[in-house]
């Protein structure tokens, strides 16, 4: 059992590490892209993503989860041919579905762009439309490899996707800038389509290479090719829940029944994934149109681009780290769910860690927003645009704290087998976001979008916390609250004071030195003042080494 748990953490750790690197590359990509496209170009670039993400979620959002489960069940029963059949059928059906969605998006690009308030965005839709087909293939292949308990192909494909987007997308954006900003955006998004294509190929080629290298062992079992892991992590569990007899029956189902089985598992996951894309689509139609009525189309597009492309990218960076911790902690809660006290201690430790990181990230953005913007975007943004970015970052910073709570609470609820609860809570938060954003845009301009997002996450976080506390004994003491307040004050004072003291060293070096000391001081103050109790403090370093 310990070996299987260690294997589980190793596979999840590899996927989390590559996911973090991939998302970091994606975030860093926005910095030079903003400098190439400028505020208006980023507005056009960002206008297409909400609808694009929504269509992706509808066409293939739940596929990796559904396919990985179905394929792992068949493999646990020795039905290798059935697993391959599932892959081939899903590829045929969902690639066709993705192709139809790509065609519809391309043909309706001018209409969609005009409804959104800027007809120049139709070129961006044309460039990114093929990506929907490629992502359908990508989703099927990721589900296949994850079903084999082999996370390496999926992890590496994310790196390939971001590297190609970073290099080819920027190159095409720079080359086509001479023809106008709308063509530069076309080039950047064409790089995204190419990145999805190469990522899909990176997952498909290993399957084509190694599928013939299966060999029969002496006892009639199946031995994997060198690219496969020699053992599966969930084989015992799947065999218990889905006995081999049912696997054999599944293998004889016709194609229609098999597609129904895939959809039965994929639809609930897709529903949970639709909430944020839907609210972002609403934003893409609301923000530019409402702000255009208050000013000009160009200024509205610029403000929308800075908020969704530049500011949101920065704000989401710390969320990647919090998400990685949540992924690592989820299996612990799942393993202990029958012991409420032990599971409660795990949940409390997870939540405290997430809250500490969320508070620190919020403070960092509020205190250091001017330095961040000047260091990263001085080449591509004018002074007024940089000032707007600083204000938007500070307004949006509170969202990081709420997202930290949501990530931690969601991982606990999912570990308890209550995945529908956080999805429903997020849906309620999404409704709040649309209502608040619509009203706030008229009074506060683009800041209304940031306010609406913060309200969405605040409502979701409160509902998730209540749901978690109903099921597990998770409590916070006044001593811990005082520890957070003291650490917050220590960070703010040290960051501002040290930045001024280190200023003779140069602005960049003073920024890095002061923030490094402030980060250390924040955590150093948390421990002695009681944010973590004695047992939790002793667990922090061993936790990262995965010693249980």
Protein backbone atom coordinates (compact mmCIF):
# COMPACT_ATOMS: atom_id res chain seq x y z
CA UNK A 1 0.00 0.00 0.00
CA UNK A 2 2.79 2.45 0.91
CA UNK A 3 4.42 1.72 -2.42
CA UNK A 4 1.18 2.48 -4.25
CA UNK A 5 0.70 5.73 -2.33
CA UNK A 6 4.26 6.75 -3.13
CA UNK A 7 3.66 5.91 -6.81
CA UNK A 8 0.49 7.97 -6.77
CA UNK A 9 2.27 11.02 -5.40
CA UNK A 10 5.12 10.53 -7.86
CA UNK A 11 2.74 10.51 -10.85
CA UNK A 12 0.71 13.43 -9.54
CA UNK A 13 3.88 15.31 -8.67
CA UNK A 14 5.27 14.95 -12.19
CA UNK A 15 2.00 16.18 -13.67
CA UNK A 16 1.76 19.09 -11.22
CA UNK A 17 5.40 20.09 -11.83
CA UNK A 18 4.98 20.11 -15.61
CA UNK A 19 1.62 21.85 -15.30
CA UNK A 20 3.22 24.55 -13.18
CA UNK A 21 6.08 25.01 -15.66
CA UNK A 22 3.58 25.09 -18.54
CA UNK A 23 1.35 27.67 -16.87
CA UNK A 24 4.38 29.72 -15.87
CA UNK A 25 5.52 29.76 -19.50
CA UNK A 26 2.00 30.71 -20.53
CA UNK A 27 1.99 33.59 -18.08
CA UNK A 28 5.46 34.76 -19.12
CA UNK A 29 4.31 34.59 -22.76
CA UNK A 30 1.79 37.36 -22.05
CA UNK A 31 4.55 39.78 -21.03
CA UNK A 32 6.37 40.04 -24.41
CA UNK A 33 3.02 39.60 -26.19
CA UNK A 34 1.65 42.67 -24.40
CA UNK A 35 4.75 44.59 -25.42
CA UNK A 36 4.21 43.56 -29.07
CA UNK A 37 0.43 44.01 -29.32
CA UNK A 38 -0.12 46.89 -26.89
CA UNK A 39 -3.36 47.47 -24.99
CA UNK A 40 -5.74 47.44 -27.98
CA UNK A 41 -4.09 44.35 -29.48
CA UNK A 42 -4.39 42.48 -26.18
CA UNK A 43 -8.04 43.46 -26.12
CA UNK A 44 -8.62 41.80 -29.50
CA UNK A 45 -6.53 38.82 -28.40
CA UNK A 46 -8.54 38.33 -25.22
CA UNK A 47 -11.96 38.88 -26.82
CA UNK A 48 -11.86 35.50 -28.56
CA UNK A 49 -10.82 33.35 -25.59
CA UNK A 50 -14.06 33.26 -23.55
CA UNK A 51 -16.13 31.88 -26.45
CA UNK A 52 -13.25 29.69 -27.60
CA UNK A 53 -12.87 28.23 -24.09
CA UNK A 54 -16.62 27.67 -23.84
CA UNK A 55 -16.71 25.74 -27.13
CA UNK A 56 -13.67 23.70 -26.06
CA UNK A 57 -15.37 22.80 -22.80
CA UNK A 58 -18.57 21.77 -24.58
CA UNK A 59 -16.80 19.68 -27.22
CA UNK A 60 -14.13 17.97 -25.11
CA UNK A 61 -14.02 19.37 -21.55
CA UNK A 62 -14.89 16.17 -19.67
CA UNK A 63 -13.21 13.74 -22.05
CA UNK A 64 -9.87 13.18 -20.27
CA UNK A 65 -11.60 12.29 -17.00
CA UNK A 66 -14.21 10.03 -18.64
CA UNK A 67 -11.79 8.22 -20.94
CA UNK A 68 -9.15 7.74 -18.27
CA UNK A 69 -11.69 6.04 -16.02
CA UNK A 70 -13.18 3.81 -18.73
CA UNK A 71 -9.78 2.82 -20.10
CA UNK A 72 -8.34 2.08 -16.65
CA UNK A 73 -11.33 -0.19 -15.92
CA UNK A 74 -10.78 -2.18 -19.09
CA UNK A 75 -7.06 -2.50 -18.50
CA UNK A 76 -7.62 -3.63 -14.91
CA UNK A 77 -9.70 -6.48 -16.33
CA UNK A 78 -7.07 -7.35 -18.97
CA UNK A 79 -9.16 -5.95 -21.86
CA UNK A 80 -6.38 -4.19 -23.80
CA UNK A 81 -8.29 -4.44 -27.09
CA UNK A 82 -11.32 -2.82 -25.47
CA UNK A 83 -9.21 0.08 -24.21
CA UNK A 84 -7.82 0.67 -27.69
CA UNK A 85 -11.33 0.47 -29.13
CA UNK A 86 -12.52 3.14 -26.71
CA UNK A 87 -9.70 5.42 -27.86
CA UNK A 88 -10.35 4.87 -31.57
CA UNK A 89 -14.09 5.43 -31.26
CA UNK A 90 -13.69 8.55 -29.13
CA UNK A 91 -11.14 9.95 -31.58
CA UNK A 92 -13.50 9.39 -34.52
CA UNK A 93 -16.55 10.92 -32.83
CA UNK A 94 -15.02 13.83 -30.96
CA UNK A 95 -12.57 14.84 -33.68
CA UNK A 96 -15.59 15.10 -36.00
CA UNK A 97 -17.44 17.11 -33.37
CA UNK A 98 -14.41 19.37 -32.93
CA UNK A 99 -14.16 19.85 -36.69
CA UNK A 100 -17.81 20.90 -36.89
CA UNK A 101 -17.31 23.38 -34.03
CA UNK A 102 -14.21 24.79 -35.77
CA UNK A 103 -16.17 25.28 -38.98
CA UNK A 104 -19.09 26.96 -37.21
CA UNK A 105 -16.76 29.32 -35.35
CA UNK A 106 -14.89 30.26 -38.54
CA UNK A 107 -18.07 30.85 -40.55
CA UNK A 108 -19.71 32.96 -37.83
CA UNK A 109 -16.57 34.93 -36.93
CA UNK A 110 -17.70 38.25 -38.42
CA UNK A 111 -21.12 38.07 -36.77
CA UNK A 112 -19.67 37.19 -33.35
CA UNK A 113 -17.07 39.97 -33.55
CA UNK A 114 -19.69 42.57 -34.46
CA UNK A 115 -21.95 41.50 -31.57
CA UNK A 116 -18.99 41.75 -29.18
CA UNK A 117 -18.47 45.35 -30.25
CA UNK A 118 -15.31 45.18 -32.40
CA UNK A 119 -15.50 43.73 -35.94
CA UNK A 120 -11.69 43.55 -36.17
CA UNK A 121 -11.80 40.52 -33.87
CA UNK A 122 -13.08 38.26 -36.70
CA UNK A 123 -9.51 37.59 -37.87
CA UNK A 124 -8.64 36.36 -34.39
CA UNK A 125 -11.52 33.87 -34.51
CA UNK A 126 -10.37 32.60 -37.91
CA UNK A 127 -6.87 31.99 -36.55
CA UNK A 128 -7.93 30.06 -33.46
CA UNK A 129 -10.84 28.08 -34.95
CA UNK A 130 -8.67 25.08 -36.06
CA UNK A 131 -7.41 24.69 -32.49
CA UNK A 132 -10.80 23.29 -31.42
CA UNK A 133 -10.29 20.24 -33.65
CA UNK A 134 -6.73 19.71 -32.43
CA UNK A 135 -7.78 20.02 -28.77
CA UNK A 136 -10.44 17.33 -29.32
CA UNK A 137 -7.67 14.95 -30.38
CA UNK A 138 -5.53 16.17 -27.50
CA UNK A 139 -8.30 15.49 -24.96
CA UNK A 140 -8.83 11.93 -26.21
CA UNK A 141 -5.11 11.13 -26.11
CA UNK A 142 -4.69 12.63 -22.64
CA UNK A 143 -7.55 10.51 -21.38
CA UNK A 144 -5.94 7.42 -22.93
CA UNK A 145 -2.52 7.95 -21.35
CA UNK A 146 -3.97 8.93 -17.98
CA UNK A 147 -6.10 5.79 -18.11
CA UNK A 148 -2.86 3.83 -18.38
CA UNK A 149 -1.60 5.65 -15.26
CA UNK A 150 1.16 7.17 -17.38
CA UNK A 151 1.20 10.92 -16.68
CA UNK A 152 4.43 11.63 -18.55
CA UNK A 153 2.98 12.12 -22.06
CA UNK A 154 0.24 14.47 -20.80
CA UNK A 155 2.73 16.43 -18.73
CA UNK A 156 5.26 16.80 -21.53
CA UNK A 157 2.56 17.77 -24.03
CA UNK A 158 1.73 20.79 -21.86
CA UNK A 159 5.34 21.92 -21.99
CA UNK A 160 5.44 21.46 -25.77
CA UNK A 161 2.21 23.41 -26.15
CA UNK A 162 3.51 26.41 -24.22
CA UNK A 163 6.97 26.42 -25.79
CA UNK A 164 5.53 26.42 -29.33
CA UNK A 165 3.01 29.11 -28.43
CA UNK A 166 5.74 31.20 -26.84
CA UNK A 167 8.16 30.94 -29.77
CA UNK A 168 5.99 30.64 -32.87
CA UNK A 169 3.17 32.85 -31.59
CA UNK A 170 5.51 35.73 -30.76
CA UNK A 171 7.38 35.34 -34.03
CA UNK A 172 4.19 35.48 -36.12
CA UNK A 173 2.87 38.40 -34.06
CA UNK A 174 6.04 40.42 -34.67
CA UNK A 175 6.23 39.56 -38.39
CA UNK A 176 2.58 40.45 -39.07
CA UNK A 177 2.58 43.64 -36.99
CA UNK A 178 3.59 45.57 -40.11
CA UNK A 179 0.14 44.85 -41.58
CA UNK A 180 -1.73 46.23 -38.55
CA UNK A 181 -2.51 45.23 -35.00
CA UNK A 182 -5.42 43.00 -36.03
CA UNK A 183 -3.09 40.94 -38.24
CA UNK A 184 -0.52 40.76 -35.46
CA UNK A 185 -3.23 39.28 -33.21
CA UNK A 186 -4.06 36.86 -36.05
CA UNK A 187 -0.44 35.69 -36.07
CA UNK A 188 -0.31 35.23 -32.30
CA UNK A 189 -3.48 33.12 -32.29
CA UNK A 190 -2.33 31.13 -35.31
CA UNK A 191 0.63 30.20 -33.11
CA UNK A 192 -1.85 28.90 -30.51
CA UNK A 193 -3.49 26.65 -33.14
CA UNK A 194 -0.09 25.33 -34.21
CA UNK A 195 0.82 24.69 -30.55
CA UNK A 196 -2.32 22.60 -30.03
CA UNK A 197 -1.57 20.62 -33.20
CA UNK A 198 1.98 19.78 -32.16
CA UNK A 199 0.84 18.95 -28.62
CA UNK A 200 -1.73 16.51 -30.03
CA UNK A 201 0.95 14.92 -32.21
CA UNK A 202 3.24 14.60 -29.18
CA UNK A 203 0.60 12.43 -27.50
CA UNK A 204 -0.39 10.47 -30.60
CA UNK A 205 3.06 9.46 -31.83
CA UNK A 206 4.04 7.49 -28.69
CA UNK A 207 0.79 5.52 -29.03
CA UNK A 208 1.52 4.70 -32.67
CA UNK A 209 5.11 3.74 -31.87
CA UNK A 210 4.51 1.57 -28.83
CA UNK A 211 1.12 -0.01 -29.51
CA UNK A 212 2.77 -2.92 -31.36
CA UNK A 213 5.30 -3.56 -28.61
CA UNK A 214 2.91 -5.30 -26.26
CA UNK A 215 4.04 -8.83 -25.64
CA UNK A 216 2.30 -11.71 -23.95
CA UNK A 217 3.82 -12.98 -20.73
CA UNK A 218 4.04 -16.68 -19.97
CA UNK A 219 0.92 -16.69 -17.81
CA UNK A 220 -1.18 -15.07 -20.50
CA UNK A 221 -1.08 -11.56 -18.99
CA UNK A 222 0.05 -8.43 -20.73
CA UNK A 223 3.43 -6.81 -20.28
CA UNK A 224 3.79 -3.14 -21.18
CA UNK A 225 6.27 -1.59 -23.54
CA UNK A 226 9.17 0.34 -21.97
CA UNK A 227 7.20 3.58 -22.31
CA UNK A 228 4.52 2.17 -19.97
CA UNK A 229 4.78 1.91 -16.19
CA UNK A 230 5.22 -1.67 -15.00
CA UNK A 231 2.41 -1.33 -12.44
CA UNK A 232 -0.81 0.64 -12.29
CA UNK A 233 -1.70 2.84 -9.39
CA UNK A 234 -5.44 2.26 -9.31
CA UNK A 235 -5.67 -1.26 -10.65
CA UNK A 236 -6.80 -2.79 -7.33
CA UNK A 237 -9.45 -0.15 -6.71
CA UNK A 238 -10.90 -0.36 -10.20
CA UNK A 239 -11.00 -4.14 -10.09
CA UNK A 240 -12.96 -3.93 -6.85
CA UNK A 241 -15.51 -1.37 -8.02
CA UNK A 242 -15.80 -2.72 -11.57
CA UNK A 243 -15.30 -6.49 -11.58
CA UNK A 244 -13.77 -8.17 -14.60
CA UNK A 245 -17.10 -9.65 -15.61
CA UNK A 246 -18.56 -6.21 -16.22
CA UNK A 247 -15.46 -5.28 -18.18
CA UNK A 248 -16.04 -8.19 -20.55
CA UNK A 249 -19.65 -7.13 -21.02
CA UNK A 250 -18.55 -3.56 -21.78
CA UNK A 251 -16.15 -4.85 -24.41
CA UNK A 252 -19.11 -6.35 -26.34
CA UNK A 253 -21.22 -3.22 -26.36
CA UNK A 254 -21.90 -1.59 -29.67
CA UNK A 255 -20.46 1.81 -30.53
CA UNK A 256 -23.58 3.76 -29.59
CA UNK A 257 -23.68 2.23 -26.12
CA UNK A 258 -20.00 2.97 -25.67
CA UNK A 259 -20.46 6.63 -26.64
CA UNK A 260 -23.33 6.84 -24.14
CA UNK A 261 -21.02 5.47 -21.47
CA UNK A 262 -18.38 8.09 -22.27
CA UNK A 263 -20.95 10.88 -22.24
CA UNK A 264 -22.46 9.66 -18.96
CA UNK A 265 -19.12 10.20 -17.26
CA UNK A 266 -18.04 13.28 -19.21
CA UNK A 267 -21.19 15.42 -18.91
CA UNK A 268 -21.07 16.01 -15.11
CA UNK A 269 -17.40 17.02 -15.32
CA UNK A 270 -18.15 19.27 -18.27
CA UNK A 271 -21.00 20.95 -16.40
CA UNK A 272 -18.69 21.89 -13.55
CA UNK A 273 -16.11 23.21 -16.00
CA UNK A 274 -18.63 25.37 -17.87
CA UNK A 275 -19.32 27.91 -15.14
CA UNK A 276 -16.30 30.19 -15.50
CA UNK A 277 -16.14 30.01 -19.33
CA UNK A 278 -19.81 31.00 -19.45
CA UNK A 279 -19.27 34.00 -17.20
CA UNK A 280 -16.21 35.00 -19.23
CA UNK A 281 -18.25 34.83 -22.44
CA UNK A 282 -20.84 37.10 -20.84
CA UNK A 283 -18.02 39.44 -19.82
CA UNK A 284 -16.65 39.52 -23.37
CA UNK A 285 -20.03 40.75 -24.64
CA UNK A 286 -20.85 43.04 -21.72
CA UNK A 287 -17.59 44.84 -21.00
CA UNK A 288 -16.70 46.22 -24.44
CA UNK A 289 -20.28 47.16 -25.32
CA UNK A 290 -21.01 48.91 -22.00
CA UNK A 291 -17.64 50.67 -21.87
CA UNK A 292 -17.99 51.74 -25.51
CA UNK A 293 -21.18 53.56 -24.55
CA UNK A 294 -19.16 55.42 -21.90
CA UNK A 295 -16.24 56.20 -24.21
CA UNK A 296 -14.81 54.85 -27.48
CA UNK A 297 -14.58 51.35 -28.93
CA UNK A 298 -10.78 51.51 -28.93
CA UNK A 299 -10.51 52.56 -25.26
CA UNK A 300 -13.05 49.91 -24.23
CA UNK A 301 -11.15 47.18 -26.08
CA UNK A 302 -7.88 48.37 -24.56
CA UNK A 303 -9.28 48.31 -21.01
CA UNK A 304 -10.79 44.86 -21.51
CA UNK A 305 -7.49 43.55 -22.91
CA UNK A 306 -5.46 44.93 -20.01
CA UNK A 307 -7.82 43.41 -17.46
CA UNK A 308 -8.28 39.95 -18.98
CA UNK A 309 -4.91 39.51 -20.66
CA UNK A 310 -2.35 41.42 -18.63
CA UNK A 311 -3.75 41.78 -15.11
CA UNK A 312 -5.55 38.42 -14.88
CA UNK A 313 -2.45 36.60 -16.08
CA UNK A 314 -0.39 38.07 -13.24
CA UNK A 315 -3.10 37.51 -10.66
CA UNK A 316 -3.43 33.84 -11.66
CA UNK A 317 0.27 33.03 -11.23
CA UNK A 318 0.20 32.34 -7.46
CA UNK A 319 -2.98 30.32 -7.97
CA UNK A 320 -0.89 27.74 -9.84
CA UNK A 321 1.20 27.11 -6.72
CA UNK A 322 -1.89 26.88 -4.50
CA UNK A 323 -3.47 24.47 -6.99
CA UNK A 324 -0.35 22.28 -6.93
CA UNK A 325 -0.58 22.00 -3.14
CA UNK A 326 -4.29 21.17 -3.36
CA UNK A 327 -3.63 18.37 -5.85
CA UNK A 328 -1.03 16.86 -3.51
CA UNK A 329 -3.31 17.09 -0.47
CA UNK A 330 -6.48 15.70 -2.06
CA UNK A 331 -5.43 12.01 -1.92
CA UNK A 332 -4.64 12.36 1.79
CA UNK A 333 -8.19 13.50 2.58
CA UNK A 334 -9.62 10.75 0.37
CA UNK A 335 -7.60 8.11 2.20
CA UNK A 336 -8.74 9.35 5.61
CA UNK A 337 -12.38 10.18 4.83
CA UNK A 338 -13.69 7.41 7.14
CA UNK A 339 -11.81 8.96 10.05
CA UNK A 340 -13.35 12.40 10.47
CA UNK A 341 -10.84 13.65 13.02
CA UNK A 342 -7.82 12.72 10.91
CA UNK A 343 -9.45 14.02 7.72
CA UNK A 344 -10.36 17.22 9.56
CA UNK A 345 -6.74 17.76 10.57
CA UNK A 346 -5.66 17.27 6.95
CA UNK A 347 -8.32 19.68 5.74
CA UNK A 348 -7.37 22.26 8.35
CA UNK A 349 -3.69 22.04 7.46
CA UNK A 350 -4.50 22.36 3.76
CA UNK A 351 -6.77 25.34 4.35
CA UNK A 352 -4.27 27.13 6.60
CA UNK A 353 -1.51 26.66 4.02
CA UNK A 354 -3.74 27.93 1.21
CA UNK A 355 -4.94 30.93 3.21
CA UNK A 356 -1.36 31.89 4.16
CA UNK A 357 -0.27 31.78 0.52
CA UNK A 358 -3.39 33.66 -0.56
CA UNK A 359 -2.85 36.45 1.97
CA UNK A 360 0.82 36.73 0.99
CA UNK A 361 -0.01 36.91 -2.74
CA UNK A 362 -2.70 39.54 -2.12
CA UNK A 363 -0.26 41.67 -0.11
CA UNK A 364 2.42 41.27 -2.76
CA UNK A 365 0.17 42.59 -5.53
CA UNK A 366 -1.19 45.48 -3.47
CA UNK A 367 2.24 46.67 -2.28
CA UNK A 368 4.30 45.94 -5.40
CA UNK A 369 1.87 46.58 -8.27
CA UNK A 370 3.72 49.69 -9.58
CA UNK A 371 7.09 47.90 -9.62
CA UNK A 372 5.63 44.81 -11.32
CA UNK A 373 4.00 46.80 -14.10
CA UNK A 374 7.00 49.06 -14.71
CA UNK A 375 9.44 46.14 -14.78
CA UNK A 376 7.35 43.93 -17.08
CA UNK A 377 5.36 46.23 -19.34
CA UNK A 378 7.21 49.53 -19.68
CA UNK A 379 8.20 48.71 -23.28
CA UNK A 380 4.67 48.03 -24.58
CA UNK A 381 2.32 50.20 -22.52
CA UNK A 382 2.03 53.96 -22.19
CA UNK A 383 2.00 55.74 -18.84
CA UNK A 384 -1.80 55.93 -18.67
CA UNK A 385 -2.13 52.24 -19.49
CA UNK A 386 0.46 51.31 -16.87
CA UNK A 387 -1.39 53.38 -14.27
CA UNK A 388 -4.63 51.61 -15.18
CA UNK A 389 -2.88 48.23 -14.83
CA UNK A 390 -1.59 49.14 -11.36
CA UNK A 391 -5.08 50.09 -10.17
CA UNK A 392 -6.62 46.96 -11.71
CA UNK A 393 -4.01 44.70 -10.09
CA UNK A 394 -4.69 46.21 -6.67
CA UNK A 395 -8.44 45.88 -7.14
CA UNK A 396 -8.13 42.28 -8.34
CA UNK A 397 -5.61 41.22 -5.67
CA UNK A 398 -8.31 40.28 -3.16
CA UNK A 399 -9.52 37.60 -5.62
CA UNK A 400 -6.32 35.64 -5.03
CA UNK A 401 -7.18 35.20 -1.36
CA UNK A 402 -10.66 33.87 -2.15
CA UNK A 403 -9.32 31.57 -4.87
CA UNK A 404 -6.84 30.14 -2.37
CA UNK A 405 -9.72 29.27 -0.05
CA UNK A 406 -11.72 27.80 -2.95
CA UNK A 407 -8.85 25.62 -4.17
CA UNK A 408 -8.17 24.23 -0.71
CA UNK A 409 -11.84 23.64 0.16
CA UNK A 410 -12.57 22.13 -3.25
CA UNK A 411 -9.72 19.63 -2.91
CA UNK A 412 -11.10 18.58 0.49
CA UNK A 413 -14.68 18.20 -0.79
CA UNK A 414 -13.51 16.24 -3.81
CA UNK A 415 -11.44 14.01 -1.55
CA UNK A 416 -14.63 13.32 0.42
CA UNK A 417 -16.42 12.36 -2.80
CA UNK A 418 -18.54 15.54 -2.88
CA UNK A 419 -17.36 16.99 -6.20
CA UNK A 420 -20.82 18.29 -7.15
CA UNK A 421 -20.94 20.68 -4.19
CA UNK A 422 -18.02 22.97 -5.23
CA UNK A 423 -19.30 22.92 -8.83
CA UNK A 424 -22.75 24.10 -7.68
CA UNK A 425 -21.21 26.72 -5.41
CA UNK A 426 -19.13 28.04 -8.30
CA UNK A 427 -22.28 28.23 -10.44
CA UNK A 428 -23.92 30.39 -7.76
CA UNK A 429 -20.80 32.55 -7.67
CA UNK A 430 -20.94 32.84 -11.47
CA UNK A 431 -24.49 34.24 -11.33
CA UNK A 432 -23.36 36.78 -8.73
CA UNK A 433 -20.42 37.73 -10.95
CA UNK A 434 -22.62 38.48 -13.97
CA UNK A 435 -25.08 40.58 -11.94
CA UNK A 436 -22.44 42.56 -10.05
CA UNK A 437 -20.27 43.09 -13.15
CA UNK A 438 -23.22 44.38 -15.20
CA UNK A 439 -24.17 46.94 -12.55
CA UNK A 440 -20.62 47.91 -11.59
CA UNK A 441 -19.47 48.59 -15.17
CA UNK A 442 -21.87 51.54 -15.40
CA UNK A 443 -20.53 53.11 -12.19
CA UNK A 444 -16.87 52.06 -12.00
CA UNK A 445 -15.89 51.36 -15.62
CA UNK A 446 -13.48 48.45 -16.17
CA UNK A 447 -13.03 48.17 -12.39
CA UNK A 448 -16.56 46.78 -12.35
CA UNK A 449 -15.25 43.59 -13.99
CA UNK A 450 -12.66 43.18 -11.22
CA UNK A 451 -15.30 43.83 -8.54
CA UNK A 452 -17.64 41.27 -10.09
CA UNK A 453 -14.87 38.64 -10.19
CA UNK A 454 -13.98 39.27 -6.53
CA UNK A 455 -17.64 38.95 -5.49
CA UNK A 456 -17.94 35.69 -7.44
CA UNK A 457 -14.98 34.13 -5.65
CA UNK A 458 -16.01 35.55 -2.25
CA UNK A 459 -19.47 33.96 -2.45
CA UNK A 460 -18.02 30.65 -3.71
CA UNK A 461 -15.37 30.58 -0.97
CA UNK A 462 -17.94 31.17 1.79
CA UNK A 463 -20.23 28.42 0.47
CA UNK A 464 -17.32 25.98 0.10
CA UNK A 465 -16.13 26.67 3.64
CA UNK A 466 -19.60 26.10 5.07
CA UNK A 467 -19.95 22.84 3.13
CA UNK A 468 -16.56 21.64 4.33
CA UNK A 469 -17.21 22.54 7.97
CA UNK A 470 -20.50 20.62 7.90
CA UNK A 471 -18.59 17.45 7.06
CA UNK A 472 -15.31 17.84 8.92
CA UNK A 473 -14.22 19.36 12.26
CA UNK A 474 -12.30 22.37 10.91
CA UNK A 475 -11.95 25.38 13.21
CA UNK A 476 -9.87 28.56 13.47
CA UNK A 477 -8.77 30.12 16.74
CA UNK A 478 -8.38 33.84 17.53
CA UNK A 479 -4.68 33.24 18.09
CA UNK A 480 -4.31 32.21 14.47
CA UNK A 481 -6.17 35.29 13.21
CA UNK A 482 -3.81 37.52 15.22
CA UNK A 483 -0.86 35.64 13.70
CA UNK A 484 -2.08 36.48 10.18
CA UNK A 485 -2.59 40.14 11.10
CA UNK A 486 0.89 40.42 12.65
CA UNK A 487 2.51 38.69 9.66
CA UNK A 488 0.61 41.02 7.32
CA UNK A 489 1.88 44.10 9.12
CA UNK A 490 5.42 42.74 9.19
CA UNK A 491 5.36 42.08 5.46
CA UNK A 492 3.97 45.50 4.51
CA UNK A 493 6.39 47.48 6.69
CA UNK A 494 9.47 45.49 5.71
CA UNK A 495 8.66 45.50 1.97
CA UNK A 496 8.16 49.28 1.83
CA UNK A 497 11.01 50.18 4.16
CA UNK A 498 13.59 47.81 2.65
CA UNK A 499 12.68 48.88 -0.89
CA UNK A 500 13.61 52.42 0.08
CA UNK A 501 16.82 51.32 1.88
CA UNK A 502 17.96 49.13 -1.03
CA UNK A 503 17.12 51.77 -3.68
CA UNK A 504 20.82 52.73 -4.21
CA UNK A 505 21.36 49.14 -5.47
CA UNK A 506 19.05 49.80 -8.42
CA UNK A 507 15.29 49.48 -8.78
CA UNK A 508 15.22 45.83 -9.89
CA UNK A 509 17.67 44.64 -7.25
CA UNK A 510 15.98 46.64 -4.49
CA UNK A 511 12.63 45.16 -5.50
CA UNK A 512 13.94 41.57 -5.45
CA UNK A 513 15.85 41.97 -2.18
CA UNK A 514 13.06 43.71 -0.29
CA UNK A 515 10.42 41.22 -1.43
CA UNK A 516 12.63 38.24 -0.56
CA UNK A 517 13.15 39.51 2.99
CA UNK A 518 9.46 40.43 3.34
CA UNK A 519 8.36 36.97 2.17
CA UNK A 520 10.66 35.30 4.70
CA UNK A 521 9.51 37.60 7.51
CA UNK A 522 5.84 36.88 6.73
CA UNK A 523 6.25 33.13 7.26
CA UNK A 524 8.69 33.63 10.15
CA UNK A 525 6.01 35.61 12.02
CA UNK A 526 3.26 33.08 11.30
CA UNK A 527 4.99 30.21 13.10
CA UNK A 528 5.75 31.67 16.57
CA UNK A 529 2.43 33.51 16.83
CA UNK A 530 0.43 30.32 16.31
CA UNK A 531 -1.04 30.22 12.81
CA UNK A 532 0.11 26.60 12.56
CA UNK A 533 -0.07 24.46 15.69
CA UNK A 534 2.90 22.41 16.87
CA UNK A 535 2.04 19.27 14.89
CA UNK A 536 1.37 21.26 11.72
CA UNK A 537 4.65 23.16 12.04
CA UNK A 538 6.59 19.90 12.27
CA UNK A 539 4.80 18.60 9.16
CA UNK A 540 5.64 21.46 6.80
CA UNK A 541 9.06 20.26 5.59
CA UNK A 542 8.30 16.52 5.80
CA UNK A 543 5.10 17.20 3.84
CA UNK A 544 7.03 18.40 0.80
CA UNK A 545 9.21 15.30 1.05
CA UNK A 546 6.03 13.21 1.09
CA UNK A 547 6.90 11.33 4.28
CA UNK A 548 3.89 9.81 5.96
